[in-house]
Amino acid sequence: MKRLEEAGIITRYAAVLDGRKLGLRAFAYVHVSLTDHAEATVRTFSDFVAEDDQVIECASITGDADFVLKVAARDPEGLEAFIMKRILRLGVVRNANTNFILRQTKVGGALPIPDSDDG
């Protein structure tokens, strides 16, 4: 473990929490399209994502949207409030398309370690 830490392969440790026991019963993927790709626009959005605890994950993606967020809330109304009062009021989001997660069939954070012949 020490060698993996020193090599930078292990970047941090985290506890896996049970969202239901924390009262989080609504999760969604929010596909976000920005109004433009100016540096200030991207910075505003990135700063928001970095500081907001409801955003569990964020990735820049290909396709129709610019980013996909995984968002947690206590209930569907909490997700609606997050989208309507937080995301869309940033002033840099053109569109937000939401997919509610009905049931998570696999949740994990472990990355596969490729075999040396996997390339």
N, C-alpha and C. Protein backbone atom coordinates (compact mmCIF):
# COMPACT_ATOMS: atom_id res chain seq x y z
N MET A 1 0.83 -1.18 0.00
CA MET A 1 0.00 0.00 0.00
C MET A 1 0.88 1.26 0.00
N LYS A 2 1.92 1.22 0.80
CA LYS A 2 2.81 2.37 0.90
C LYS A 2 3.43 2.70 -0.46
N ARG A 3 3.87 1.65 -1.20
CA ARG A 3 4.47 1.87 -2.53
C ARG A 3 3.44 2.45 -3.49
N LEU A 4 2.19 1.98 -3.43
CA LEU A 4 1.14 2.52 -4.30
C LEU A 4 0.86 3.98 -3.96
N GLU A 5 0.87 4.32 -2.69
CA GLU A 5 0.69 5.72 -2.28
C GLU A 5 1.83 6.58 -2.80
N GLU A 6 3.05 6.11 -2.61
CA GLU A 6 4.22 6.87 -3.03
C GLU A 6 4.28 7.04 -4.54
N ALA A 7 3.79 6.04 -5.27
CA ALA A 7 3.77 6.11 -6.73
C ALA A 7 2.62 6.97 -7.26
N GLY A 8 1.74 7.42 -6.35
CA GLY A 8 0.61 8.26 -6.77
C GLY A 8 -0.55 7.46 -7.34
N ILE A 9 -0.50 6.14 -7.23
CA ILE A 9 -1.60 5.32 -7.73
C ILE A 9 -2.79 5.41 -6.78
N ILE A 10 -2.54 5.38 -5.49
CA ILE A 10 -3.59 5.64 -4.50
C ILE A 10 -3.57 7.14 -4.25
N THR A 11 -4.65 7.81 -4.60
CA THR A 11 -4.69 9.26 -4.47
C THR A 11 -5.42 9.72 -3.21
N ARG A 12 -6.32 8.85 -2.67
CA ARG A 12 -7.03 9.19 -1.44
C ARG A 12 -7.78 7.96 -0.96
N TYR A 13 -8.26 8.05 0.27
CA TYR A 13 -9.08 7.01 0.87
C TYR A 13 -10.46 7.61 1.13
N ALA A 14 -11.50 6.78 1.02
CA ALA A 14 -12.85 7.28 1.25
C ALA A 14 -13.71 6.19 1.87
N ALA A 15 -14.66 6.60 2.69
CA ALA A 15 -15.64 5.68 3.25
C ALA A 15 -16.83 5.62 2.31
N VAL A 16 -17.39 4.44 2.13
CA VAL A 16 -18.59 4.27 1.30
C VAL A 16 -19.78 4.32 2.24
N LEU A 17 -20.63 5.33 2.05
CA LEU A 17 -21.77 5.57 2.94
C LEU A 17 -23.06 5.07 2.31
N ASP A 18 -24.00 4.69 3.14
CA ASP A 18 -25.32 4.26 2.68
C ASP A 18 -26.20 5.50 2.56
N GLY A 19 -26.47 5.91 1.30
CA GLY A 19 -27.26 7.12 1.05
C GLY A 19 -28.64 7.06 1.66
N ARG A 20 -29.28 5.90 1.62
CA ARG A 20 -30.63 5.76 2.19
C ARG A 20 -30.63 6.06 3.69
N LYS A 21 -29.61 5.57 4.39
CA LYS A 21 -29.55 5.80 5.84
C LYS A 21 -29.24 7.25 6.15
N LEU A 22 -28.69 7.96 5.18
CA LEU A 22 -28.44 9.40 5.34
C LEU A 22 -29.65 10.23 4.92
N GLY A 23 -30.70 9.56 4.45
CA GLY A 23 -31.91 10.27 4.02
C GLY A 23 -31.88 10.72 2.58
N LEU A 24 -30.91 10.24 1.81
CA LEU A 24 -30.83 10.58 0.39
C LEU A 24 -31.55 9.50 -0.41
N ARG A 25 -32.71 9.84 -0.95
CA ARG A 25 -33.54 8.85 -1.62
C ARG A 25 -33.78 9.16 -3.10
N ALA A 26 -33.11 10.18 -3.59
CA ALA A 26 -33.28 10.55 -5.01
C ALA A 26 -31.91 10.84 -5.62
N PHE A 27 -31.63 10.13 -6.69
CA PHE A 27 -30.38 10.32 -7.42
C PHE A 27 -30.71 10.49 -8.90
N ALA A 28 -29.91 11.28 -9.59
CA ALA A 28 -30.17 11.51 -11.02
C ALA A 28 -28.87 11.82 -11.74
N TYR A 29 -28.89 11.55 -13.04
CA TYR A 29 -27.83 12.01 -13.93
C TYR A 29 -28.40 13.23 -14.64
N VAL A 30 -27.67 14.32 -14.58
CA VAL A 30 -28.10 15.57 -15.21
C VAL A 30 -27.11 15.89 -16.32
N HIS A 31 -27.59 15.86 -17.56
CA HIS A 31 -26.78 16.19 -18.72
C HIS A 31 -26.90 17.70 -18.94
N VAL A 32 -25.77 18.39 -18.89
CA VAL A 32 -25.76 19.85 -18.92
C VAL A 32 -25.09 20.36 -20.19
N SER A 33 -25.76 21.27 -20.87
CA SER A 33 -25.17 21.99 -22.01
C SER A 33 -24.97 23.44 -21.59
N LEU A 34 -23.77 23.95 -21.80
CA LEU A 34 -23.47 25.34 -21.44
C LEU A 34 -23.91 26.28 -22.55
N THR A 35 -24.08 27.55 -22.20
CA THR A 35 -24.49 28.55 -23.19
C THR A 35 -23.41 28.77 -24.24
N ASP A 36 -22.15 28.65 -23.82
CA ASP A 36 -21.01 28.77 -24.73
C ASP A 36 -19.82 28.12 -24.05
N HIS A 37 -18.68 28.16 -24.70
CA HIS A 37 -17.50 27.53 -24.14
C HIS A 37 -16.40 28.53 -23.80
N ALA A 38 -16.82 29.76 -23.55
CA ALA A 38 -15.87 30.79 -23.14
C ALA A 38 -15.25 30.41 -21.80
N GLU A 39 -14.03 30.85 -21.58
CA GLU A 39 -13.31 30.51 -20.36
C GLU A 39 -14.10 30.87 -19.10
N ALA A 40 -14.72 32.04 -19.10
CA ALA A 40 -15.47 32.49 -17.92
C ALA A 40 -16.69 31.60 -17.68
N THR A 41 -17.34 31.15 -18.74
CA THR A 41 -18.51 30.28 -18.61
C THR A 41 -18.12 28.95 -18.01
N VAL A 42 -17.09 28.34 -18.56
CA VAL A 42 -16.61 27.04 -18.06
C VAL A 42 -16.13 27.17 -16.63
N ARG A 43 -15.45 28.24 -16.29
CA ARG A 43 -14.96 28.46 -14.94
C ARG A 43 -16.12 28.60 -13.95
N THR A 44 -17.15 29.36 -14.33
CA THR A 44 -18.32 29.52 -13.46
C THR A 44 -18.95 28.18 -13.16
N PHE A 45 -19.14 27.36 -14.20
CA PHE A 45 -19.75 26.06 -14.02
C PHE A 45 -18.84 25.14 -13.20
N SER A 46 -17.56 25.10 -13.52
CA SER A 46 -16.61 24.24 -12.81
C SER A 46 -16.50 24.61 -11.34
N ASP A 47 -16.50 25.90 -11.04
CA ASP A 47 -16.44 26.35 -9.65
C ASP A 47 -17.69 25.91 -8.89
N PHE A 48 -18.85 26.03 -9.53
CA PHE A 48 -20.10 25.59 -8.91
C PHE A 48 -20.04 24.10 -8.58
N VAL A 49 -19.63 23.30 -9.55
CA VAL A 49 -19.57 21.84 -9.37
C VAL A 49 -18.60 21.48 -8.25
N ALA A 50 -17.45 22.13 -8.22
CA ALA A 50 -16.44 21.81 -7.21
C ALA A 50 -16.92 22.12 -5.79
N GLU A 51 -17.78 23.12 -5.65
CA GLU A 51 -18.21 23.57 -4.33
C GLU A 51 -19.53 22.97 -3.87
N ASP A 52 -20.31 22.38 -4.76
CA ASP A 52 -21.65 21.91 -4.40
C ASP A 52 -21.62 20.46 -3.93
N ASP A 53 -22.08 20.22 -2.71
CA ASP A 53 -22.06 18.87 -2.13
C ASP A 53 -23.07 17.92 -2.76
N GLN A 54 -24.11 18.44 -3.40
CA GLN A 54 -25.10 17.56 -4.03
C GLN A 54 -24.56 16.91 -5.29
N VAL A 55 -23.53 17.50 -5.87
CA VAL A 55 -22.92 16.93 -7.07
C VAL A 55 -21.90 15.88 -6.61
N ILE A 56 -22.23 14.62 -6.88
CA ILE A 56 -21.37 13.51 -6.46
C ILE A 56 -20.26 13.28 -7.47
N GLU A 57 -20.60 13.40 -8.75
CA GLU A 57 -19.64 13.19 -9.83
C GLU A 57 -19.91 14.20 -10.93
N CYS A 58 -18.87 14.54 -11.68
CA CYS A 58 -19.01 15.40 -12.85
C CYS A 58 -17.99 14.96 -13.88
N ALA A 59 -18.44 14.86 -15.14
CA ALA A 59 -17.54 14.49 -16.22
C ALA A 59 -17.86 15.31 -17.46
N SER A 60 -16.82 15.73 -18.15
CA SER A 60 -16.96 16.36 -19.47
C SER A 60 -17.18 15.21 -20.45
N ILE A 61 -18.18 15.33 -21.32
CA ILE A 61 -18.55 14.21 -22.18
C ILE A 61 -18.67 14.62 -23.65
N THR A 62 -18.72 13.62 -24.50
CA THR A 62 -19.00 13.84 -25.92
C THR A 62 -20.49 13.70 -26.13
N GLY A 63 -20.97 14.13 -27.28
CA GLY A 63 -22.40 14.00 -27.59
C GLY A 63 -23.11 15.33 -27.51
N ASP A 64 -24.40 15.27 -27.23
CA ASP A 64 -25.24 16.46 -27.24
C ASP A 64 -25.00 17.40 -26.06
N ALA A 65 -24.55 16.88 -24.94
CA ALA A 65 -24.32 17.70 -23.75
C ALA A 65 -22.82 17.92 -23.55
N ASP A 66 -22.50 18.90 -22.72
CA ASP A 66 -21.10 19.20 -22.40
C ASP A 66 -20.61 18.42 -21.18
N PHE A 67 -21.50 18.24 -20.20
CA PHE A 67 -21.15 17.58 -18.94
C PHE A 67 -22.28 16.66 -18.51
N VAL A 68 -21.94 15.65 -17.71
CA VAL A 68 -22.95 14.86 -17.02
C VAL A 68 -22.60 14.90 -15.54
N LEU A 69 -23.62 15.17 -14.73
CA LEU A 69 -23.47 15.23 -13.28
C LEU A 69 -24.25 14.08 -12.67
N LYS A 70 -23.73 13.51 -11.60
CA LYS A 70 -24.53 12.61 -10.77
C LYS A 70 -24.87 13.42 -9.53
N VAL A 71 -26.16 13.53 -9.26
CA VAL A 71 -26.65 14.43 -8.21
C VAL A 71 -27.46 13.63 -7.20
N ALA A 72 -27.33 13.98 -5.92
CA ALA A 72 -28.08 13.34 -4.84
C ALA A 72 -28.96 14.36 -4.14
N ALA A 73 -30.15 13.89 -3.70
CA ALA A 73 -31.07 14.75 -2.94
C ALA A 73 -31.91 13.87 -2.02
N ARG A 74 -32.59 14.52 -1.11
CA ARG A 74 -33.45 13.77 -0.18
C ARG A 74 -34.66 13.16 -0.89
N ASP A 75 -35.17 13.85 -1.90
CA ASP A 75 -36.38 13.38 -2.58
C ASP A 75 -36.45 14.03 -3.96
N PRO A 76 -37.41 13.63 -4.81
CA PRO A 76 -37.52 14.23 -6.14
C PRO A 76 -37.69 15.75 -6.12
N GLU A 77 -38.40 16.25 -5.11
CA GLU A 77 -38.56 17.70 -5.00
C GLU A 77 -37.23 18.39 -4.74
N GLY A 78 -36.36 17.73 -3.99
CA GLY A 78 -35.03 18.27 -3.76
C GLY A 78 -34.21 18.32 -5.04
N LEU A 79 -34.37 17.30 -5.89
CA LEU A 79 -33.68 17.32 -7.18
C LEU A 79 -34.23 18.43 -8.06
N GLU A 80 -35.55 18.60 -8.04
CA GLU A 80 -36.14 19.67 -8.83
C GLU A 80 -35.61 21.03 -8.38
N ALA A 81 -35.56 21.24 -7.07
CA ALA A 81 -35.05 22.51 -6.55
C ALA A 81 -33.59 22.72 -6.95
N PHE A 82 -32.79 21.66 -6.88
CA PHE A 82 -31.39 21.77 -7.28
C PHE A 82 -31.28 22.21 -8.74
N ILE A 83 -32.06 21.59 -9.61
CA ILE A 83 -31.99 21.91 -11.04
C ILE A 83 -32.53 23.31 -11.32
N MET A 84 -33.71 23.60 -10.81
CA MET A 84 -34.37 24.87 -11.12
C MET A 84 -33.72 26.07 -10.43
N LYS A 85 -33.33 25.90 -9.18
CA LYS A 85 -32.85 27.04 -8.39
C LYS A 85 -31.33 27.16 -8.32
N ARG A 86 -30.64 26.10 -8.69
CA ARG A 86 -29.19 26.15 -8.59
C ARG A 86 -28.55 26.09 -9.98
N ILE A 87 -28.78 24.98 -10.68
CA ILE A 87 -28.13 24.79 -11.99
C ILE A 87 -28.60 25.83 -13.00
N LEU A 88 -29.89 25.92 -13.21
CA LEU A 88 -30.40 26.81 -14.26
C LEU A 88 -30.23 28.28 -13.93
N ARG A 89 -30.08 28.63 -12.68
CA ARG A 89 -29.88 30.03 -12.29
C ARG A 89 -28.43 30.47 -12.31
N LEU A 90 -27.54 29.56 -12.67
CA LEU A 90 -26.13 29.95 -12.79
C LEU A 90 -25.92 30.99 -13.88
N GLY A 91 -26.79 30.97 -14.87
CA GLY A 91 -26.65 31.91 -15.98
C GLY A 91 -25.72 31.43 -17.08
N VAL A 92 -25.19 30.20 -16.95
CA VAL A 92 -24.28 29.68 -17.97
C VAL A 92 -24.77 28.36 -18.56
N VAL A 93 -25.94 27.91 -18.10
CA VAL A 93 -26.48 26.63 -18.57
C VAL A 93 -27.60 26.88 -19.57
N ARG A 94 -27.41 26.36 -20.78
CA ARG A 94 -28.41 26.48 -21.84
C ARG A 94 -29.52 25.45 -21.65
N ASN A 95 -29.12 24.21 -21.25
CA ASN A 95 -30.10 23.13 -21.15
C ASN A 95 -29.62 22.12 -20.11
N ALA A 96 -30.58 21.54 -19.40
CA ALA A 96 -30.29 20.45 -18.46
C ALA A 96 -31.32 19.37 -18.68
N ASN A 97 -30.85 18.18 -19.04
CA ASN A 97 -31.71 17.03 -19.29
C ASN A 97 -31.44 16.02 -18.19
N THR A 98 -32.50 15.65 -17.46
CA THR A 98 -32.33 14.82 -16.26
C THR A 98 -32.87 13.42 -16.45
N ASN A 99 -32.08 12.44 -15.99
CA ASN A 99 -32.51 11.05 -15.94
C ASN A 99 -32.48 10.61 -14.48
N PHE A 100 -33.67 10.33 -13.92
CA PHE A 100 -33.75 9.85 -12.55
C PHE A 100 -33.24 8.41 -12.50
N ILE A 101 -32.50 8.10 -11.47
CA ILE A 101 -32.02 6.74 -11.26
C ILE A 101 -33.11 6.00 -10.49
N LEU A 102 -33.69 4.98 -11.11
CA LEU A 102 -34.74 4.21 -10.46
C LEU A 102 -34.17 3.24 -9.44
N ARG A 103 -33.11 2.54 -9.84
CA ARG A 103 -32.47 1.57 -8.96
C ARG A 103 -31.03 1.45 -9.40
N GLN A 104 -30.14 1.46 -8.45
CA GLN A 104 -28.72 1.27 -8.77
C GLN A 104 -28.40 -0.21 -8.64
N THR A 105 -27.93 -0.79 -9.72
CA THR A 105 -27.62 -2.22 -9.71
C THR A 105 -26.16 -2.50 -9.39
N LYS A 106 -25.31 -1.49 -9.54
CA LYS A 106 -23.91 -1.63 -9.15
C LYS A 106 -23.39 -0.27 -8.75
N VAL A 107 -22.84 -0.20 -7.58
CA VAL A 107 -22.25 1.03 -7.08
C VAL A 107 -20.86 0.68 -6.57
N GLY A 108 -19.88 1.38 -7.04
CA GLY A 108 -18.52 1.10 -6.59
C GLY A 108 -17.59 2.20 -7.01
N GLY A 109 -16.44 2.16 -6.45
CA GLY A 109 -15.45 3.15 -6.82
C GLY A 109 -14.14 2.52 -7.22
N ALA A 110 -14.10 1.20 -7.13
CA ALA A 110 -12.85 0.51 -7.42
C ALA A 110 -12.59 0.50 -8.93
N LEU A 111 -11.37 0.83 -9.30
CA LEU A 111 -10.99 0.78 -10.70
C LEU A 111 -10.35 -0.57 -11.01
N PRO A 112 -10.60 -1.08 -12.21
CA PRO A 112 -9.95 -2.35 -12.56
C PRO A 112 -8.45 -2.11 -12.77
N ILE A 113 -7.66 -3.05 -12.35
CA ILE A 113 -6.21 -2.97 -12.56
C ILE A 113 -5.91 -3.80 -13.81
N PRO A 114 -5.48 -3.15 -14.89
CA PRO A 114 -5.27 -3.88 -16.13
C PRO A 114 -4.09 -4.85 -16.03
N ASP A 115 -4.25 -5.99 -16.72
CA ASP A 115 -3.13 -6.92 -16.84
C ASP A 115 -2.09 -6.29 -17.74
N SER A 116 -0.86 -6.72 -17.62
CA SER A 116 0.21 -6.16 -18.42
C SER A 116 -0.01 -6.37 -19.92
N ASP A 117 -0.77 -7.39 -20.30
CA ASP A 117 -1.01 -7.64 -21.73
C ASP A 117 -2.30 -6.98 -22.23
N ASP A 118 -3.01 -6.19 -21.36
CA ASP A 118 -4.23 -5.49 -21.78
C ASP A 118 -3.91 -4.25 -22.60
N GLY A 119 -2.71 -3.77 -22.58
CA GLY A 119 -2.29 -2.61 -23.36
C GLY A 119 -2.74 -1.38 -22.71
